[in-house]
Amino acid sequence: MKVFPLSTTSDIFITKALPLLEKCYEQISYLNPNQYPEYPHKPFRHLLAFGASVAVHVFNDSCVFDTWKQLYLAHPKEWIFAFISYDAKNSVEALTNLKEPGIEFNAACFFIPQHVWEITSEGIIIHKGNASALIQEIEEYEDQKTDTATTIVSSPLSLISKETYLHTISRIQLFLEEGNAYEINFCMPFKGKGTIQPANTYL
């Protein structure tokens, strides 16, 4: 493993890296531990994986984990990153989801990255790939942000009517008063159409 010292902080490096890599690679996975040290075993590693030597898109939500197992057995010594939708639960339980999906996203996408970097206070640890020139390019990068590229739709619409919302709240209140639960999370779905740049939206 190679370690490349940074000329700036890791936070500034990430704000430059994600927008640039988004323009060059279709698959990017950024795992941010948020500097939280209190996990039972140890903090999660601060990882950035991008590029794909192998990418597998799973369209059937009932075979997400079978697909992962096949990929792992075929590449047992490789890093494997994944984007997994909520409906992957249907792979382990006899469940179905009749609701309309809010975004155009497959049940899952697994990929073996071309590059895996670990971001530390000392610099970038290169676990996979050759990246010295790319790290320098990222440090010199200035993102040209535009309002239209980073703005989500201005007026998302609720998928629940006011009447349905009030009726549901009344039923939840009764459920709580009867002592069937002491806390309930009720989420309201909103939907709107628009175009975003995921990296800048995240940042």
Foldseek 3Di string as FASTA:
>chain_A
DDFDFDPDFPVLLLLLPQVVLLVPFVDKDFDDQVPDAPDPPGTDFGKIFTAFPDKDFAADLQCVVVVVVVVCVVPVPFDKDKDADPSVVVNVDVDDDPDDDQDPGGRMMMGGGQWMWTQDRRGIDTPHHDDPVVSVVSSPDDDDDDPQAADDDPDWAWPADPVRVVVVVVVVVVCVVVPVDVDDDDDTDTHDDGHYSVSNNVD
